[in-house]
Amino acid sequence: MTANVPAAVHDEHAESPAPQPPITMFGPDFPFPYDDFLAHPAGIGSVPATEHGTEVAVIGGGLSGIIAAYELMKMGLRPVVYEADKIGGRLRTSDFEGCGTDGEGLNAEMGAMRFPPSSTAFQHYVDLVELETRPFPNPLSPDTPSTVVDLKGESHYARTLDDLPEVYHQVMEAWNACLEEGADFSDMQRAIRERDVARIRELWAPLVEKLDNQTFYGFLCDSKAFSSFRHREIFGQVGFGTGGWDTDFPNSILEILRVVYTGADDDHRGIVGGSQQLPERLWEREPAKIVHWPLGTSLSSLHDGRHRPAVTRLSRTAGNRITVTDADGDIRTFKAAVFTAQSWMLLSKIECDDALLPIDHWTAVERTHYMESSKLFVPVDRPFWLDTDEETGRDVMSMTLTDRMTRGTYLLDNGPDKPAVICLSYTWCDDSLKWLPLDANERMEVMLKSLGEIYPKVDIRSHIIGNPLTVSWENEPYFMGAFKANLPGHYRYQRRLFTHFMQDRLPEDKRGLYLAGDDISWTAGWAEGAVQTALNAVWGVMHQFGGTTDPTNPGPGDRYDELAPVELPED
């Protein structure tokens, strides 16, 4: 379902309204125009020539780390990228093996797989490396042939929302009313569209103070529109945009508002060939405009084609330097380091000095809450789900939302009669933990059984042409979860982490290490947050080295005092 409030009915003879500016992930916590900053012809800043060639450690080769490294390289610095596995992080695209020639090119998005058009800074890099996108088949989206909602053993087939029973319309209307009454939804979206910073801050500040201690579920219960438990139950199972959100019910409602205000759950697109291509292409890209380094320089060439291995130790040494030990035993010392890996790594996988961060920041890292998430994919011979059931005239199988073990099933079409992919199951939190001990084949058997109860006439197994692929992010040693999701009362912790790049405000002996990555952002789980925090860290390093932005294109740190996130009292 969608969080959008239905538009007012207009007189058919009235003049068409002027087109509205697009919704973007602009705020509400830190309304800085990262997309405009990236697009400005003056560039995003420079460092003094005396610093050219200086090494900067970049720990983590996911999207945030690669973007930070790429932009630091363009400034004339020498990023040294450390990565425990492959370039990409949670932009992880896995190929199916053993499918024969017909399966060539089939892949599965084990991490991020759908991106909203509102993530405009992310889109800057997608366009830069010339990746193609296409609509993602979310439930009831225009490019999804059909959707089945299966709750409590009863299935409803729909091509549009209008095809669902009245109770689902009531749930949608309750959600829209809840957002209007409790969160000034229309006013905030209007302010975000217009990039009205003063209005965004005017609306958001009291909501942060009022709602920081409120869960998503509590927010629903406080609304008269959601007085019905049945409506809340259906909303949890079916949700809005991408499907059921009951696994988010314990999280802070502020997390959810950031998503719906900025359209992050609407109109998703997937990257043709897989999202991991984005950091991989940036790693190989030779910028046309680069300082200090000769044309033809890339991150890959600066590393002789191979990034450094996992970091095993981080410490502060004399002169407030950051000393990095890696899995090969190599020890290097840097004036600055950008840490973009999952922040819990600082507590477990990496031996760290307490002096790396202020104690309040250590507390914030320790209190971070991560969501579990699992996926299971199978390759199939063709998009057989588009076959027509002769008895009903319907598609034989549909994008499926259910309260059964699968929860969400997505059908990924590559064209008529071409091999295709089914995401048999996409689950979160407790639903993900239910099948954590099972291997890929055992998981497949569970999911085929569940789907067989919904589609008794469809033999999915007969179309499978290769082995299943699965991931449980909570079991991945360098991730330990899918992404951050703040619990009630965690706003202050999140603010400390996001604002860490403003190091003039830190004690002098706690500077030089910059936290970045989507779990440092206000919108964890969205690639846009990874991009934004990477750019914050790049500004921080540039500032530390005595660099500046062009006066016509101030950076996030230059405008920080104007845009700083709401600060709640500590006492």
Protein backbone atom coordinates (compact mmCIF):
# COMPACT_ATOMS: atom_id res chain seq x y z
CA MET A 1 0.00 0.00 0.00
CA THR A 2 1.05 3.57 -0.35
CA ALA A 3 1.51 6.26 2.24
CA ASN A 4 0.35 8.90 -0.18
CA VAL A 5 -2.80 10.79 0.76
CA PRO A 6 -5.31 10.80 -2.11
CA ALA A 7 -5.30 14.05 -4.03
CA ALA A 8 -8.31 16.34 -3.89
CA VAL A 9 -10.83 15.98 -6.68
CA HIS A 10 -10.53 18.78 -9.26
CA ASP A 11 -13.12 20.28 -11.60
CA GLU A 12 -12.54 18.66 -15.00
CA HIS A 13 -12.64 22.11 -16.64
CA ALA A 14 -10.23 23.67 -14.17
CA GLU A 15 -6.76 24.59 -15.26
CA SER A 16 -4.23 21.82 -14.59
CA PRO A 17 -2.10 22.53 -11.55
CA ALA A 18 1.55 23.34 -12.09
CA PRO A 19 3.78 20.25 -11.74
CA GLN A 20 5.13 19.84 -8.22
CA PRO A 21 8.82 19.57 -7.44
CA PRO A 22 9.83 15.96 -6.76
CA ILE A 23 10.02 14.37 -3.35
CA THR A 24 13.66 13.70 -2.44
CA MET A 25 15.49 12.36 0.60
CA PHE A 26 16.06 15.95 1.73
CA GLY A 27 15.98 15.90 5.51
CA PRO A 28 14.04 16.09 7.71
CA ASP A 29 16.88 15.81 10.24
CA PHE A 30 19.64 17.50 8.23
CA PRO A 31 18.14 19.19 5.16
CA PHE A 32 21.31 19.61 3.12
CA PRO A 33 21.01 19.33 -0.70
CA TYR A 34 23.57 16.59 -1.35
CA ASP A 35 22.35 16.16 -4.93
CA ASP A 36 22.90 19.85 -5.77
CA PHE A 37 26.26 19.75 -3.98
CA LEU A 38 27.40 16.86 -6.21
CA ALA A 39 26.07 18.42 -9.42
CA HIS A 40 27.69 21.84 -8.92
CA PRO A 41 30.37 22.62 -11.53
CA ALA A 42 32.73 23.96 -8.85
CA GLY A 43 33.11 20.49 -7.36
CA ILE A 44 32.85 19.47 -3.73
CA GLY A 45 36.10 20.94 -2.41
CA SER A 46 39.89 20.89 -2.51
CA VAL A 47 42.89 20.47 -0.22
CA PRO A 48 46.16 22.42 -0.23
CA ALA A 49 48.79 21.20 -2.67
CA THR A 50 51.06 20.37 0.27
CA GLU A 51 48.60 17.58 1.18
CA HIS A 52 48.42 16.06 -2.29
CA GLY A 53 49.34 12.38 -2.22
CA THR A 54 48.67 12.06 1.52
CA GLU A 55 47.30 8.65 2.44
CA VAL A 56 43.86 8.38 4.07
CA ALA A 57 42.60 5.03 5.33
CA VAL A 58 39.11 4.03 4.16
CA ILE A 59 37.87 1.05 6.15
CA GLY A 60 35.06 -0.81 4.40
CA GLY A 61 34.61 -1.28 0.66
CA GLY A 62 30.84 -0.94 0.50
CA LEU A 63 29.08 1.91 -1.26
CA SER A 64 29.93 4.49 1.40
CA GLY A 65 33.59 3.54 1.52
CA ILE A 66 34.06 3.46 -2.23
CA ILE A 67 32.33 6.83 -2.70
CA ALA A 68 34.45 8.37 0.07
CA ALA A 69 37.61 6.92 -1.50
CA TYR A 70 36.60 8.04 -4.99
CA GLU A 71 35.96 11.64 -3.93
CA LEU A 72 39.13 11.83 -1.80
CA MET A 73 41.13 10.56 -4.78
CA LYS A 74 39.63 13.27 -7.00
CA MET A 75 40.86 15.87 -4.46
CA GLY A 76 44.42 14.57 -4.85
CA LEU A 77 44.59 12.46 -1.68
CA ARG A 78 45.55 8.79 -1.74
CA PRO A 79 42.82 6.60 -0.24
CA VAL A 80 43.91 3.19 1.08
CA VAL A 81 40.84 0.95 1.01
CA TYR A 82 40.51 -1.94 3.47
CA GLU A 83 37.84 -4.55 2.80
CA ALA A 84 37.33 -7.92 4.50
CA ASP A 85 35.58 -9.54 1.53
CA LYS A 86 34.57 -8.13 -1.84
CA ILE A 87 33.92 -4.58 -3.00
CA GLY A 88 30.23 -3.88 -2.52
CA GLY A 89 29.26 -4.47 1.11
CA ARG A 90 25.48 -4.86 1.25
CA LEU A 91 25.29 -4.08 -2.44
CA ARG A 92 25.89 -7.78 -2.99
CA THR A 93 24.91 -9.42 -6.26
CA SER A 94 25.42 -13.19 -6.45
CA ASP A 95 25.39 -15.21 -9.67
CA PHE A 96 23.61 -18.54 -9.99
CA GLU A 97 25.94 -21.38 -10.92
CA GLY A 98 25.11 -24.63 -12.61
CA CYS A 99 22.18 -23.28 -14.60
CA GLY A 100 23.68 -24.11 -18.00
CA THR A 101 23.95 -21.65 -20.87
CA ASP A 102 20.32 -20.67 -20.51
CA GLY A 103 21.04 -19.37 -17.02
CA GLU A 104 23.96 -17.20 -18.03
CA GLY A 105 23.66 -13.76 -16.46
CA LEU A 106 21.09 -14.78 -13.85
CA ASN A 107 21.78 -13.20 -10.49
CA ALA A 108 20.20 -12.44 -7.13
CA GLU A 109 20.36 -9.28 -5.06
CA MET A 110 21.32 -10.56 -1.63
CA GLY A 111 21.33 -7.09 -0.09
CA ALA A 112 19.90 -3.87 -1.49
CA MET A 113 17.66 -4.62 -4.47
CA ARG A 114 15.26 -1.67 -4.87
CA PHE A 115 15.96 2.04 -4.86
CA PRO A 116 13.52 4.96 -4.73
CA PRO A 117 13.81 7.83 -7.22
CA SER A 118 13.89 10.15 -4.21
CA SER A 119 17.47 8.94 -3.49
CA THR A 120 18.93 11.60 -5.76
CA ALA A 121 22.52 11.66 -4.45
CA PHE A 122 22.68 7.90 -4.97
CA GLN A 123 21.27 8.39 -8.46
CA HIS A 124 24.11 10.82 -9.21
CA TYR A 125 26.57 7.92 -9.01
CA VAL A 126 24.26 5.49 -10.83
CA ASP A 127 24.20 7.96 -13.74
CA LEU A 128 27.94 8.64 -13.46
CA VAL A 129 28.81 4.99 -14.13
CA GLU A 130 25.99 4.64 -16.69
CA LEU A 131 23.95 1.92 -15.04
CA GLU A 132 20.48 1.08 -16.31
CA THR A 133 17.51 0.82 -13.97
CA ARG A 134 14.03 -0.64 -14.36
CA PRO A 135 10.87 -0.70 -12.22
CA PHE A 136 10.95 -3.14 -9.31
CA PRO A 137 7.88 -5.39 -8.91
CA ASN A 138 6.64 -4.30 -5.49
CA PRO A 139 3.09 -5.30 -4.41
CA LEU A 140 0.40 -3.50 -6.42
CA SER A 141 2.91 -1.30 -8.23
CA PRO A 142 2.01 -0.39 -11.86
CA ASP A 143 4.71 -2.67 -13.26
CA THR A 144 3.70 -5.68 -11.18
CA PRO A 145 1.34 -7.88 -13.25
CA SER A 146 -0.63 -9.02 -10.19
CA THR A 147 -0.43 -9.33 -6.41
CA VAL A 148 -1.89 -11.92 -4.06
CA VAL A 149 -2.50 -11.02 -0.42
CA ASP A 150 -2.86 -14.22 1.62
CA LEU A 151 -3.82 -13.78 5.28
CA LYS A 152 -5.23 -16.36 7.68
CA GLY A 153 -5.66 -18.87 4.87
CA GLU A 154 -7.69 -16.52 2.67
CA SER A 155 -6.20 -15.24 -0.60
CA HIS A 156 -7.14 -12.12 -2.54
CA TYR A 157 -5.97 -11.59 -6.12
CA ALA A 158 -5.43 -7.99 -7.27
CA ARG A 159 -4.02 -6.06 -10.16
CA THR A 160 -4.71 -2.72 -8.44
CA LEU A 161 -5.70 -1.64 -4.95
CA ASP A 162 -9.32 -1.39 -6.11
CA ASP A 163 -9.41 -5.18 -6.49
CA LEU A 164 -8.85 -5.79 -2.78
CA PRO A 165 -11.72 -6.08 -0.28
CA GLU A 166 -13.06 -3.00 1.49
CA VAL A 167 -11.17 -3.72 4.72
CA TYR A 168 -7.85 -3.09 2.95
CA HIS A 169 -9.10 0.31 1.79
CA GLN A 170 -10.08 1.06 5.37
CA VAL A 171 -6.57 0.18 6.52
CA MET A 172 -5.04 2.46 3.88
CA GLU A 173 -7.34 5.31 4.89
CA ALA A 174 -6.50 4.74 8.56
CA TRP A 175 -2.76 4.97 7.81
CA ASN A 176 -3.20 8.16 5.82
CA ALA A 177 -5.31 9.69 8.61
CA CYS A 178 -2.78 8.57 11.22
CA LEU A 179 0.04 10.31 9.36
CA GLU A 180 -1.93 13.51 8.90
CA GLU A 181 -3.12 13.72 12.49
CA GLY A 182 0.06 12.63 14.20
CA ALA A 183 2.86 13.75 11.91
CA ASP A 184 1.78 16.69 9.67
CA PHE A 185 2.36 14.47 6.65
CA SER A 186 1.10 16.72 3.84
CA ASP A 187 2.77 19.82 5.28
CA MET A 188 6.09 18.04 5.66
CA GLN A 189 6.02 16.57 2.17
CA ARG A 190 5.21 19.99 0.76
CA ALA A 191 8.17 21.50 2.63
CA ILE A 192 10.48 18.74 1.41
CA ARG A 193 9.30 19.17 -2.17
CA GLU A 194 9.94 22.92 -1.95
CA ARG A 195 13.14 22.47 0.06
CA ASP A 196 11.77 24.91 2.60
CA VAL A 197 14.36 24.41 5.34
CA ALA A 198 12.69 26.74 7.83
CA ARG A 199 9.35 24.94 7.51
CA ILE A 200 10.94 21.49 7.71
CA ARG A 201 12.68 22.44 10.93
CA GLU A 202 9.56 24.08 12.30
CA LEU A 203 7.56 20.88 11.76
CA TRP A 204 10.23 18.35 12.70
CA ALA A 205 11.61 19.78 15.95
CA PRO A 206 8.42 19.33 18.01
CA LEU A 207 7.83 15.88 16.51
CA VAL A 208 11.31 14.71 17.54
CA GLU A 209 10.72 15.93 21.09
CA LYS A 210 7.22 14.42 21.22
CA LEU A 211 7.87 11.09 19.47
CA ASP A 212 11.42 10.06 20.35
CA ASN A 213 10.10 7.70 23.03
CA GLN A 214 7.27 6.30 20.88
CA THR A 215 7.25 2.98 19.03
CA PHE A 216 5.75 2.56 15.58
CA TYR A 217 3.02 0.39 17.09
CA GLY A 218 2.32 2.87 19.86
CA PHE A 219 1.95 5.62 17.28
CA LEU A 220 -0.71 3.55 15.49
CA CYS A 221 -2.51 2.77 18.75
CA ASP A 222 -2.63 6.45 19.71
CA SER A 223 -4.52 7.25 16.52
CA LYS A 224 -8.31 7.08 16.57
CA ALA A 225 -8.09 5.96 12.94
CA PHE A 226 -6.37 2.73 14.09
CA SER A 227 -8.61 1.92 17.03
CA SER A 228 -9.42 -1.45 15.43
CA PHE A 229 -6.97 -4.26 16.28
CA ARG A 230 -8.01 -6.00 13.05
CA HIS A 231 -6.89 -2.96 11.06
CA ARG A 232 -3.56 -2.83 12.90
CA GLU A 233 -3.04 -6.55 12.31
CA ILE A 234 -3.72 -6.27 8.57
CA PHE A 235 -1.51 -3.20 8.36
CA GLY A 236 1.32 -5.12 10.01
CA GLN A 237 0.99 -7.98 7.53
CA VAL A 238 0.39 -5.97 4.35
CA GLY A 239 1.70 -2.53 5.27
CA PHE A 240 2.39 0.07 2.63
CA GLY A 241 4.77 0.41 -0.30
CA THR A 242 6.90 -2.73 -0.10
CA GLY A 243 4.61 -4.84 2.07
CA GLY A 244 4.15 -5.74 5.73
CA TRP A 245 5.97 -3.71 8.35
CA ASP A 246 5.00 -5.45 11.57
CA THR A 247 8.64 -6.37 12.16
CA ASP A 248 9.25 -2.62 12.50
CA PHE A 249 6.52 -2.15 15.11
CA PRO A 250 9.01 -2.09 18.06
CA ASN A 251 11.19 0.55 16.38
CA SER A 252 11.02 4.30 16.84
CA ILE A 253 8.22 5.95 14.85
CA LEU A 254 10.78 8.61 13.84
CA GLU A 255 12.49 5.93 11.72
CA ILE A 256 9.25 5.27 9.87
CA LEU A 257 8.39 8.93 9.37
CA ARG A 258 11.75 9.53 7.68
CA VAL A 259 10.86 6.81 5.17
CA VAL A 260 7.33 7.94 4.33
CA TYR A 261 8.05 11.68 4.31
CA THR A 262 10.79 11.25 1.72
CA GLY A 263 9.05 8.72 -0.52
CA ALA A 264 11.74 6.14 0.23
CA ASP A 265 9.19 3.32 0.08
CA ASP A 266 7.59 4.32 -3.24
CA ASP A 267 8.19 3.72 -6.96
CA HIS A 268 11.29 1.57 -6.53
CA ARG A 269 13.67 0.67 -9.33
CA GLY A 270 16.22 -2.12 -9.59
CA ILE A 271 19.62 -1.96 -11.26
CA VAL A 272 19.89 -4.10 -14.38
CA GLY A 273 22.69 -6.60 -13.88
CA GLY A 274 22.85 -6.02 -10.14
CA SER A 275 23.58 -3.22 -7.68
CA GLN A 276 27.11 -4.40 -6.87
CA GLN A 277 28.14 -2.99 -10.24
CA LEU A 278 27.92 0.52 -8.78
CA PRO A 279 30.82 0.29 -6.29
CA GLU A 280 32.72 -2.01 -8.67
CA ARG A 281 32.50 0.50 -11.51
CA LEU A 282 33.50 3.38 -9.21
CA TRP A 283 36.52 1.32 -8.14
CA GLU A 284 37.61 1.06 -11.78
CA ARG A 285 36.47 4.52 -12.94
CA GLU A 286 39.04 7.03 -14.20
CA PRO A 287 37.65 10.51 -13.41
CA ALA A 288 37.84 13.08 -16.20
CA LYS A 289 38.55 15.78 -13.59
CA ILE A 290 41.17 14.85 -11.02
CA VAL A 291 43.76 16.80 -9.04
CA HIS A 292 47.41 15.76 -8.59
CA TRP A 293 47.02 12.30 -10.08
CA PRO A 294 47.51 11.81 -13.85
CA LEU A 295 44.50 11.23 -16.08
CA GLY A 296 43.75 7.52 -16.20
CA THR A 297 44.12 7.11 -12.43
CA SER A 298 41.49 4.99 -10.69
CA LEU A 299 41.05 3.57 -7.21
CA SER A 300 42.01 0.23 -8.69
CA SER A 301 45.25 1.57 -10.20
CA LEU A 302 46.22 3.28 -6.92
CA HIS A 303 45.88 -0.13 -5.25
CA ASP A 304 47.55 -2.13 -8.04
CA GLY A 305 44.17 -3.75 -8.61
CA ARG A 306 43.75 -5.15 -5.11
CA HIS A 307 42.34 -3.53 -1.98
CA ARG A 308 43.90 -4.12 1.43
CA PRO A 309 42.45 -6.99 3.56
CA ALA A 310 40.33 -6.80 6.72
CA VAL A 311 41.36 -4.45 9.52
CA THR A 312 42.18 -6.27 12.75
CA ARG A 313 43.32 -3.40 14.97
CA LEU A 314 42.79 0.37 15.21
CA SER A 315 44.70 2.58 17.62
CA ARG A 316 45.72 6.16 18.24
CA THR A 317 49.44 6.82 18.21
CA ALA A 318 51.68 9.84 18.78
CA GLY A 319 50.65 13.00 16.97
CA ASN A 320 46.98 11.93 17.11
CA ARG A 321 47.50 9.59 14.19
CA ILE A 322 45.32 6.55 13.39
CA THR A 323 47.32 3.34 13.16
CA VAL A 324 45.77 0.46 11.23
CA THR A 325 46.79 -3.21 11.40
CA ASP A 326 45.34 -5.51 8.76
CA ALA A 327 44.85 -9.26 8.40
CA ASP A 328 48.19 -9.59 6.59
CA GLY A 329 49.96 -8.09 9.61
CA ASP A 330 50.73 -4.87 7.72
CA ILE A 331 50.77 -1.77 9.98
CA ARG A 332 50.25 1.71 8.55
CA THR A 333 49.69 5.06 10.21
CA PHE A 334 47.44 7.79 8.81
CA LYS A 335 46.59 11.40 9.59
CA ALA A 336 42.94 10.56 8.91
CA ALA A 337 40.78 7.46 8.53
CA VAL A 338 37.17 6.99 7.38
CA PHE A 339 35.36 4.04 8.98
CA THR A 340 32.40 2.90 6.88
CA ALA A 341 32.02 -0.74 7.99
CA GLN A 342 29.17 -1.86 10.24
CA SER A 343 29.77 -0.01 13.51
CA TRP A 344 29.52 -3.12 15.73
CA MET A 345 32.78 -4.24 14.13
CA LEU A 346 34.46 -1.72 16.44
CA LEU A 347 33.12 -3.72 19.40
CA SER A 348 33.92 -7.23 18.24
CA LYS A 349 35.91 -8.00 15.09
CA ILE A 350 38.44 -5.15 15.41
CA GLU A 351 40.66 -4.59 18.43
CA CYS A 352 40.23 -0.91 19.27
CA ASP A 353 41.70 1.65 21.64
CA ASP A 354 39.09 3.33 23.81
CA ALA A 355 40.75 6.59 22.77
CA LEU A 356 39.43 6.27 19.22
CA LEU A 357 36.05 7.81 20.11
CA PRO A 358 34.61 9.91 22.93
CA ILE A 359 32.82 7.80 25.53
CA ASP A 360 29.40 9.12 24.47
CA HIS A 361 30.07 7.93 20.93
CA TRP A 362 31.11 4.49 22.16
CA THR A 363 27.79 4.35 24.03
CA ALA A 364 25.95 5.28 20.83
CA VAL A 365 27.73 2.55 18.86
CA GLU A 366 27.00 -0.03 21.55
CA ARG A 367 23.30 0.90 21.74
CA THR A 368 22.74 0.66 17.97
CA HIS A 369 19.93 -1.78 17.16
CA TYR A 370 20.21 -3.91 14.02
CA MET A 371 17.44 -5.66 12.08
CA GLU A 372 17.80 -9.30 11.06
CA SER A 373 16.92 -10.09 7.45
CA SER A 374 16.95 -13.18 5.21
CA LYS A 375 16.33 -13.90 1.53
CA LEU A 376 16.03 -17.03 -0.57
CA PHE A 377 16.25 -17.05 -4.38
CA VAL A 378 15.85 -19.73 -7.04
CA PRO A 379 16.51 -19.57 -10.80
CA VAL A 380 13.68 -20.74 -13.05
CA ASP A 381 13.41 -21.58 -16.74
CA ARG A 382 10.99 -18.79 -17.67
CA PRO A 383 8.45 -16.35 -16.15
CA PHE A 384 5.79 -19.06 -15.92
CA TRP A 385 3.79 -16.96 -13.47
CA LEU A 386 2.47 -15.00 -16.44
CA ASP A 387 0.67 -18.08 -17.74
CA THR A 388 -3.10 -17.73 -17.55
CA ASP A 389 -5.18 -20.01 -15.38
CA GLU A 390 -7.85 -21.34 -17.76
CA GLU A 391 -10.49 -21.52 -15.04
CA THR A 392 -10.05 -18.05 -13.53
CA GLY A 393 -8.36 -16.03 -16.29
CA ARG A 394 -5.80 -14.89 -13.71
CA ASP A 395 -2.00 -15.15 -13.65
CA VAL A 396 -1.13 -18.58 -12.28
CA MET A 397 1.16 -16.96 -9.68
CA SER A 398 1.63 -13.42 -8.38
CA MET A 399 3.82 -11.23 -6.24
CA THR A 400 2.72 -12.56 -2.85
CA LEU A 401 2.32 -11.08 0.63
CA THR A 402 1.37 -13.61 3.29
CA ASP A 403 1.48 -14.44 6.98
CA ARG A 404 2.99 -17.82 6.10
CA MET A 405 6.73 -18.51 6.39
CA THR A 406 7.60 -16.89 3.07
CA ARG A 407 6.14 -13.46 4.04
CA GLY A 408 7.15 -11.79 0.75
CA THR A 409 7.66 -13.49 -2.64
CA TYR A 410 8.92 -11.46 -5.62
CA LEU A 411 8.89 -12.52 -9.28
CA LEU A 412 11.80 -11.11 -11.29
CA ASP A 413 11.21 -11.24 -15.02
CA ASN A 414 13.95 -10.93 -17.68
CA GLY A 415 11.62 -11.09 -20.68
CA PRO A 416 9.36 -13.66 -22.38
CA ASP A 417 10.69 -17.22 -22.35
CA LYS A 418 14.01 -16.11 -20.80
CA PRO A 419 15.35 -17.61 -17.57
CA ALA A 420 14.07 -15.68 -14.56
CA VAL A 421 14.45 -15.50 -10.78
CA ILE A 422 12.04 -15.91 -7.90
CA CYS A 423 12.77 -14.42 -4.51
CA LEU A 424 10.86 -17.20 -2.74
CA SER A 425 11.06 -15.45 0.61
CA TYR A 426 12.11 -12.10 2.05
CA THR A 427 11.78 -11.91 5.83
CA TRP A 428 12.80 -9.73 8.76
CA CYS A 429 13.56 -10.05 12.49
CA ASP A 430 11.70 -12.95 14.16
CA ASP A 431 10.54 -14.25 10.77
CA SER A 432 14.17 -14.34 9.64
CA LEU A 433 15.33 -16.09 12.80
CA LYS A 434 12.75 -18.87 12.31
CA TRP A 435 14.79 -20.36 9.49
CA LEU A 436 18.30 -19.29 10.48
CA PRO A 437 19.46 -22.89 11.27
CA LEU A 438 18.33 -24.23 7.87
CA ASP A 439 20.62 -24.48 4.85
CA ALA A 440 19.58 -23.21 1.44
CA ASN A 441 17.91 -26.43 0.30
CA GLU A 442 16.06 -26.91 3.57
CA ARG A 443 14.82 -23.33 3.36
CA MET A 444 13.67 -23.92 -0.21
CA GLU A 445 11.60 -26.93 0.87
CA VAL A 446 9.88 -24.90 3.60
CA MET A 447 9.08 -22.07 1.21
CA LEU A 448 7.84 -24.31 -1.60
CA LYS A 449 5.49 -25.98 0.88
CA SER A 450 4.13 -22.60 2.02
CA LEU A 451 3.64 -21.36 -1.54
CA GLY A 452 2.05 -24.68 -2.50
CA GLU A 453 -0.70 -23.96 0.02
CA ILE A 454 -1.41 -20.66 -1.73
CA TYR A 455 -0.97 -21.96 -5.30
CA PRO A 456 -1.95 -25.66 -5.16
CA LYS A 457 -2.12 -25.97 -8.97
CA VAL A 458 1.36 -24.53 -9.61
CA ASP A 459 4.41 -26.84 -9.68
CA ILE A 460 7.15 -24.30 -8.95
CA ARG A 461 9.74 -27.04 -8.48
CA SER A 462 9.38 -28.22 -12.08
CA HIS A 463 10.65 -24.83 -13.30
CA ILE A 464 13.74 -24.58 -11.05
CA ILE A 465 16.97 -24.87 -13.07
CA GLY A 466 19.67 -24.39 -10.45
CA ASN A 467 20.58 -24.38 -6.79
CA PRO A 468 19.00 -21.84 -4.42
CA LEU A 469 20.92 -18.86 -3.05
CA THR A 470 20.27 -17.58 0.44
CA VAL A 471 21.55 -15.05 2.96
CA SER A 472 20.84 -14.33 6.62
CA TRP A 473 22.49 -11.00 7.34
CA GLU A 474 22.47 -11.57 11.10
CA ASN A 475 24.78 -14.54 10.48
CA GLU A 476 27.23 -12.68 8.25
CA PRO A 477 30.42 -12.18 10.33
CA TYR A 478 31.21 -8.71 8.99
CA PHE A 479 27.63 -7.42 9.24
CA MET A 480 25.79 -9.13 12.13
CA GLY A 481 22.50 -7.71 10.86
CA ALA A 482 20.92 -6.07 7.86
CA PHE A 483 20.93 -2.45 8.99
CA LYS A 484 20.40 -0.12 11.91
CA ALA A 485 16.87 0.67 13.10
CA ASN A 486 16.66 2.96 16.11
CA LEU A 487 14.56 1.95 19.07
CA PRO A 488 12.57 4.52 21.05
CA GLY A 489 14.88 6.82 22.98
CA HIS A 490 17.80 6.38 20.58
CA TYR A 491 17.57 9.75 18.83
CA ARG A 492 20.39 11.24 20.88
CA TYR A 493 22.65 8.31 20.03
CA GLN A 494 21.87 8.66 16.32
CA ARG A 495 22.60 12.38 16.44
CA ARG A 496 26.04 11.76 17.97
CA LEU A 497 26.94 9.29 15.23
CA PHE A 498 25.65 11.38 12.31
CA THR A 499 27.33 14.59 13.52
CA HIS A 500 30.68 12.90 14.19
CA PHE A 501 32.12 14.44 11.01
CA MET A 502 31.97 17.89 12.68
CA GLN A 503 35.19 17.27 14.56
CA ASP A 504 35.96 20.83 15.61
CA ARG A 505 33.35 20.11 18.29
CA LEU A 506 35.29 17.08 19.59
CA PRO A 507 38.27 17.08 21.98
CA GLU A 508 41.50 17.43 20.01
CA ASP A 509 42.64 13.94 20.99
CA LYS A 510 39.47 12.38 19.57
CA ARG A 511 39.76 13.68 16.00
CA GLY A 512 40.93 12.16 12.74
CA LEU A 513 38.68 9.06 12.61
CA TYR A 514 35.41 9.69 10.72
CA LEU A 515 32.38 7.44 11.02
CA ALA A 516 30.31 6.94 7.86
CA GLY A 517 28.02 4.36 6.28
CA ASP A 518 24.29 3.97 6.14
CA ASP A 519 24.00 2.94 9.80
CA ILE A 520 25.50 6.33 10.74
CA SER A 521 22.87 8.05 8.60
CA TRP A 522 19.30 8.97 9.50
CA THR A 523 18.03 6.56 6.83
CA ALA A 524 19.81 3.26 7.45
CA GLY A 525 18.95 0.55 4.97
CA TRP A 526 18.77 3.08 2.15
CA ALA A 527 21.76 3.59 -0.12
CA GLU A 528 21.15 7.33 -0.02
CA GLY A 529 22.24 7.35 3.62
CA ALA A 530 25.50 5.64 2.70
CA VAL A 531 26.17 8.33 0.07
CA GLN A 532 25.31 11.23 2.35
CA THR A 533 27.51 10.12 5.23
CA ALA A 534 30.38 9.40 2.82
CA LEU A 535 30.18 12.99 1.61
CA ASN A 536 30.08 14.23 5.21
CA ALA A 537 33.27 12.29 5.97
CA VAL A 538 34.96 13.60 2.82
CA TRP A 539 34.14 17.15 3.93
CA GLY A 540 35.56 16.34 7.40
CA VAL A 541 38.86 15.04 5.99
CA MET A 542 39.11 17.98 3.61
CA HIS A 543 38.53 20.41 6.52
CA GLN A 544 41.09 18.64 8.72
CA PHE A 545 43.71 18.96 5.97
CA GLY A 546 43.08 22.71 5.65
CA GLY A 547 40.94 22.43 2.54
CA THR A 548 37.83 24.37 1.60
CA THR A 549 34.78 24.21 -0.61
CA ASP A 550 34.10 26.77 -3.31
CA PRO A 551 32.10 29.73 -1.88
CA THR A 552 29.39 29.06 -4.49
CA ASN A 553 29.00 25.44 -3.33
CA PRO A 554 29.21 25.18 0.46
CA GLY A 555 29.44 21.67 1.88
CA PRO A 556 27.56 19.95 4.70
CA GLY A 557 30.01 21.17 7.31
CA ASP A 558 29.93 24.75 6.00
CA ARG A 559 26.17 24.85 6.53
CA TYR A 560 26.09 22.77 9.68
CA ASP A 561 25.16 25.54 12.12
CA GLU A 562 22.21 26.48 9.91
CA LEU A 563 20.99 22.91 9.41
CA ALA A 564 22.12 21.06 12.55
CA PRO A 565 19.80 18.27 13.70
CA VAL A 566 17.47 18.93 16.63
CA GLU A 567 19.35 18.63 19.92
CA LEU A 568 17.37 17.09 22.76
CA PRO A 569 18.35 17.79 26.37
CA GLU A 570 20.48 15.14 28.07
CA ASP A 571 19.17 15.79 31.60
